Amino acid sequence: MKLRRSSPVAAVLAGVLAVSATMSFAQESRTWPDTSSGTMEFAPVGAIDYSIGYASVGYDHFETEIMVSWRDDGERTQLLFSGIQDKPPARMTARGNLLCVVAQYCARYQETCSALATCYAYDAGQKQFVEEDAEGKAVPR
């Protein structure tokens, strides 16, 4: 029987795919060292539970994820924010009929920081939150 040897490129590709699959699974089941959670009333959905998981990634930077859950013809869950931002960790707020994630970003080597809000309106047809663009129109995230 003749054995066929795989090419080095195929071996590297198989390794990358295996690591990628493992990283993807690990990311889905991540346990955050620091968390905060709460509930807020938000029309038209009613009670929204949110969970903020965060970890320091050095200096005053945090990796943060914000998940929200609510009921609308069953349990719904959506990831609203996942990213790196500056201290303090991102937070949730409601502004009228918008649900907002507020995160702070600082200019490198300067003490200038800006708190930026990404706001979402609820699309009852899609049963999910959609990001508001600069003109105030809802666009899918």
C-alpha atoms as a PDB file:
ATOM      1  CA  MET A   1       0.000   0.000   0.000  1.00  0.00           C
ATOM      2  CA  LYS A   2       1.333   3.386  -0.954  1.00  0.00           C
ATOM      3  CA  LEU A   3       0.918   6.197   1.620  1.00  0.00           C
ATOM      4  CA  ARG A   4       0.138   9.642   0.340  1.00  0.00           C
ATOM      5  CA  ARG A   5       1.776  12.533   2.107  1.00  0.00           C
ATOM      6  CA  SER A   6      -0.196  15.764   2.596  1.00  0.00           C
ATOM      7  CA  SER A   7       1.286  19.021   1.521  1.00  0.00           C
ATOM      8  CA  PRO A   8       2.617  21.419   4.179  1.00  0.00           C
ATOM      9  CA  VAL A   9       0.010  23.990   3.113  1.00  0.00           C
ATOM     10  CA  ALA A  10      -2.830  21.527   3.744  1.00  0.00           C
ATOM     11  CA  ALA A  11      -1.389  20.660   7.166  1.00  0.00           C
ATOM     12  CA  VAL A  12      -1.113  24.326   8.144  1.00  0.00           C
ATOM     13  CA  LEU A  13      -4.635  25.030   6.886  1.00  0.00           C
ATOM     14  CA  ALA A  14      -6.038  22.096   8.864  1.00  0.00           C
ATOM     15  CA  GLY A  15      -4.275  23.396  11.995  1.00  0.00           C
ATOM     16  CA  VAL A  16      -5.608  26.911  11.529  1.00  0.00           C
ATOM     17  CA  LEU A  17      -9.145  25.592  11.058  1.00  0.00           C
ATOM     18  CA  ALA A  18      -8.876  23.456  14.196  1.00  0.00           C
ATOM     19  CA  VAL A  19      -7.616  26.387  16.294  1.00  0.00           C
ATOM     20  CA  SER A  20     -10.269  28.664  14.778  1.00  0.00           C
ATOM     21  CA  ALA A  21     -13.058  26.236  15.669  1.00  0.00           C
ATOM     22  CA  THR A  22     -11.729  25.935  19.223  1.00  0.00           C
ATOM     23  CA  MET A  23     -11.453  29.717  19.600  1.00  0.00           C
ATOM     24  CA  SER A  24     -14.991  30.199  18.294  1.00  0.00           C
ATOM     25  CA  PHE A  25     -16.377  27.717  20.812  1.00  0.00           C
ATOM     26  CA  ALA A  26     -14.336  29.272  23.635  1.00  0.00           C
ATOM     27  CA  GLN A  27     -15.650  32.714  22.764  1.00  0.00           C
ATOM     28  CA  GLU A  28     -19.278  31.553  22.959  1.00  0.00           C
ATOM     29  CA  SER A  29     -18.815  30.140  26.455  1.00  0.00           C
ATOM     30  CA  ARG A  30     -16.591  32.877  27.825  1.00  0.00           C
ATOM     31  CA  THR A  31     -16.649  33.571  31.539  1.00  0.00           C
ATOM     32  CA  TRP A  32     -15.936  37.225  32.288  1.00  0.00           C
ATOM     33  CA  PRO A  33     -13.850  38.154  35.337  1.00  0.00           C
ATOM     34  CA  ASP A  34     -16.097  41.165  35.996  1.00  0.00           C
ATOM     35  CA  THR A  35     -19.804  41.445  35.299  1.00  0.00           C
ATOM     36  CA  SER A  36     -22.705  43.708  36.040  1.00  0.00           C
ATOM     37  CA  SER A  37     -26.345  43.216  35.209  1.00  0.00           C
ATOM     38  CA  GLY A  38     -29.676  44.846  35.647  1.00  0.00           C
ATOM     39  CA  THR A  39     -33.190  45.307  34.359  1.00  0.00           C
ATOM     40  CA  MET A  40     -34.714  48.382  32.767  1.00  0.00           C
ATOM     41  CA  GLU A  41     -38.156  49.175  31.418  1.00  0.00           C
ATOM     42  CA  PHE A  42     -38.160  49.917  27.722  1.00  0.00           C
ATOM     43  CA  ALA A  43     -41.250  50.624  25.605  1.00  0.00           C
ATOM     44  CA  PRO A  44     -42.627  48.817  23.644  1.00  0.00           C
ATOM     45  CA  VAL A  45     -40.908  45.636  24.882  1.00  0.00           C
ATOM     46  CA  GLY A  46     -41.267  46.075  28.644  1.00  0.00           C
ATOM     47  CA  ALA A  47     -38.580  44.666  30.926  1.00  0.00           C
ATOM     48  CA  ILE A  48     -35.136  44.209  29.374  1.00  0.00           C
ATOM     49  CA  ASP A  49     -32.467  42.301  31.263  1.00  0.00           C
ATOM     50  CA  TYR A  50     -28.892  43.200  30.402  1.00  0.00           C
ATOM     51  CA  SER A  51     -25.571  41.651  31.253  1.00  0.00           C
ATOM     52  CA  ILE A  52     -22.254  43.446  30.870  1.00  0.00           C
ATOM     53  CA  GLY A  53     -19.140  41.290  30.908  1.00  0.00           C
ATOM     54  CA  TYR A  54     -15.758  42.959  30.863  1.00  0.00           C
ATOM     55  CA  ALA A  55     -12.063  42.359  31.366  1.00  0.00           C
ATOM     56  CA  SER A  56      -9.070  44.649  31.553  1.00  0.00           C
ATOM     57  CA  VAL A  57      -6.794  44.260  28.551  1.00  0.00           C
ATOM     58  CA  GLY A  58      -4.093  46.566  29.851  1.00  0.00           C
ATOM     59  CA  TYR A  59      -3.632  50.202  30.679  1.00  0.00           C
ATOM     60  CA  ASP A  60      -7.135  51.693  30.941  1.00  0.00           C
ATOM     61  CA  HIS A  61      -8.615  49.542  28.134  1.00  0.00           C
ATOM     62  CA  PHE A  62     -11.456  47.058  28.594  1.00  0.00           C
ATOM     63  CA  GLU A  63     -12.849  44.322  26.398  1.00  0.00           C
ATOM     64  CA  THR A  64     -16.604  44.432  26.878  1.00  0.00           C
ATOM     65  CA  GLU A  65     -19.683  42.518  25.736  1.00  0.00           C
ATOM     66  CA  ILE A  66     -23.263  43.552  26.409  1.00  0.00           C
ATOM     67  CA  MET A  67     -26.113  41.064  25.994  1.00  0.00           C
ATOM     68  CA  VAL A  68     -29.786  41.940  26.339  1.00  0.00           C
ATOM     69  CA  SER A  69     -32.769  39.623  26.752  1.00  0.00           C
ATOM     70  CA  TRP A  70     -36.502  40.257  26.706  1.00  0.00           C
ATOM     71  CA  ARG A  71     -39.808  38.575  25.919  1.00  0.00           C
ATOM     72  CA  ASP A  72     -41.665  39.082  22.641  1.00  0.00           C
ATOM     73  CA  ASP A  73     -43.535  35.938  21.566  1.00  0.00           C
ATOM     74  CA  GLY A  74     -40.905  33.957  23.480  1.00  0.00           C
ATOM     75  CA  GLU A  75     -37.488  34.583  24.980  1.00  0.00           C
ATOM     76  CA  ARG A  76     -35.187  36.792  22.868  1.00  0.00           C
ATOM     77  CA  THR A  77     -31.469  37.468  23.303  1.00  0.00           C
ATOM     78  CA  GLN A  78     -29.176  39.773  21.356  1.00  0.00           C
ATOM     79  CA  LEU A  79     -25.538  40.855  21.561  1.00  0.00           C
ATOM     80  CA  LEU A  80     -25.597  44.662  21.400  1.00  0.00           C
ATOM     81  CA  PHE A  81     -21.930  45.481  21.951  1.00  0.00           C
ATOM     82  CA  SER A  82     -18.628  43.689  21.697  1.00  0.00           C
ATOM     83  CA  GLY A  83     -15.427  45.668  21.612  1.00  0.00           C
ATOM     84  CA  ILE A  84     -12.511  47.358  23.275  1.00  0.00           C
ATOM     85  CA  GLN A  85     -13.006  50.739  24.841  1.00  0.00           C
ATOM     86  CA  ASP A  86     -11.442  52.868  27.552  1.00  0.00           C
ATOM     87  CA  LYS A  87     -12.118  53.013  31.273  1.00  0.00           C
ATOM     88  CA  PRO A  88     -14.802  52.835  32.660  1.00  0.00           C
ATOM     89  CA  PRO A  89     -16.496  49.780  31.064  1.00  0.00           C
ATOM     90  CA  ALA A  90     -19.420  50.441  28.705  1.00  0.00           C
ATOM     91  CA  ARG A  91     -22.873  50.925  30.224  1.00  0.00           C
ATOM     92  CA  MET A  92     -26.555  50.749  29.231  1.00  0.00           C
ATOM     93  CA  THR A  93     -29.036  53.596  29.201  1.00  0.00           C
ATOM     94  CA  ALA A  94     -32.445  54.364  27.703  1.00  0.00           C
ATOM     95  CA  ARG A  95     -33.140  57.613  25.844  1.00  0.00           C
ATOM     96  CA  GLY A  96     -36.840  57.862  25.074  1.00  0.00           C
ATOM     97  CA  ASN A  97     -37.610  55.048  22.630  1.00  0.00           C
ATOM     98  CA  LEU A  98     -33.913  54.180  22.146  1.00  0.00           C
ATOM     99  CA  LEU A  99     -31.765  51.696  24.021  1.00  0.00           C
ATOM    100  CA  CYS A 100     -28.160  52.975  24.117  1.00  0.00           C
ATOM    101  CA  VAL A 101     -24.715  51.585  24.847  1.00  0.00           C
ATOM    102  CA  VAL A 102     -22.350  54.292  26.090  1.00  0.00           C
ATOM    103  CA  ALA A 103     -18.609  53.643  25.804  1.00  0.00           C
ATOM    104  CA  GLN A 104     -15.667  55.965  26.400  1.00  0.00           C
ATOM    105  CA  TYR A 105     -12.788  56.335  23.942  1.00  0.00           C
ATOM    106  CA  CYS A 106      -9.645  58.364  24.626  1.00  0.00           C
ATOM    107  CA  ALA A 107      -7.168  59.931  22.223  1.00  0.00           C
ATOM    108  CA  ARG A 108      -3.781  58.216  22.354  1.00  0.00           C
ATOM    109  CA  TYR A 109      -1.187  59.985  24.497  1.00  0.00           C
ATOM    110  CA  GLN A 110      -3.715  62.691  25.402  1.00  0.00           C
ATOM    111  CA  GLU A 111      -6.117  63.185  28.254  1.00  0.00           C
ATOM    112  CA  THR A 112      -9.020  63.874  25.883  1.00  0.00           C
ATOM    113  CA  CYS A 113     -11.834  61.317  26.158  1.00  0.00           C
ATOM    114  CA  SER A 114     -15.260  61.145  24.554  1.00  0.00           C
ATOM    115  CA  ALA A 115     -18.251  59.119  25.673  1.00  0.00           C
ATOM    116  CA  LEU A 116     -19.931  57.828  22.522  1.00  0.00           C
ATOM    117  CA  ALA A 117     -23.425  56.338  22.447  1.00  0.00           C
ATOM    118  CA  THR A 118     -24.622  53.704  19.995  1.00  0.00           C
ATOM    119  CA  CYS A 119     -28.411  53.657  20.142  1.00  0.00           C
ATOM    120  CA  TYR A 120     -30.916  51.028  19.052  1.00  0.00           C
ATOM    121  CA  ALA A 121     -34.623  51.150  18.241  1.00  0.00           C
ATOM    122  CA  TYR A 122     -36.792  48.054  18.589  1.00  0.00           C
ATOM    123  CA  ASP A 123     -38.060  46.594  15.321  1.00  0.00           C
ATOM    124  CA  ALA A 124     -41.210  44.668  16.288  1.00  0.00           C
ATOM    125  CA  GLY A 125     -41.381  42.969  12.875  1.00  0.00           C
ATOM    126  CA  GLN A 126     -37.854  41.543  13.157  1.00  0.00           C
ATOM    127  CA  LYS A 127     -38.156  41.177  16.948  1.00  0.00           C
ATOM    128  CA  GLN A 128     -34.694  42.636  17.443  1.00  0.00           C
ATOM    129  CA  PHE A 129     -32.922  45.877  18.145  1.00  0.00           C
ATOM    130  CA  VAL A 130     -31.562  47.776  15.152  1.00  0.00           C
ATOM    131  CA  GLU A 131     -28.901  50.444  15.265  1.00  0.00           C
ATOM    132  CA  GLU A 132     -29.919  54.018  14.576  1.00  0.00           C
ATOM    133  CA  ASP A 133     -27.818  55.781  11.958  1.00  0.00           C
ATOM    134  CA  ALA A 134     -26.760  59.445  12.152  1.00  0.00           C
ATOM    135  CA  GLU A 135     -29.927  60.593  10.334  1.00  0.00           C
ATOM    136  CA  GLY A 136     -32.165  58.845  12.844  1.00  0.00           C
ATOM    137  CA  LYS A 137     -33.240  56.000  10.537  1.00  0.00           C
ATOM    138  CA  ALA A 138     -33.066  52.434  11.851  1.00  0.00           C
ATOM    139  CA  VAL A 139     -30.530  50.266  10.033  1.00  0.00           C
ATOM    140  CA  PRO A 140     -29.671  46.627  10.791  1.00  0.00           C
ATOM    141  CA  ARG A 141     -26.451  46.174  12.737  1.00  0.00           C
END
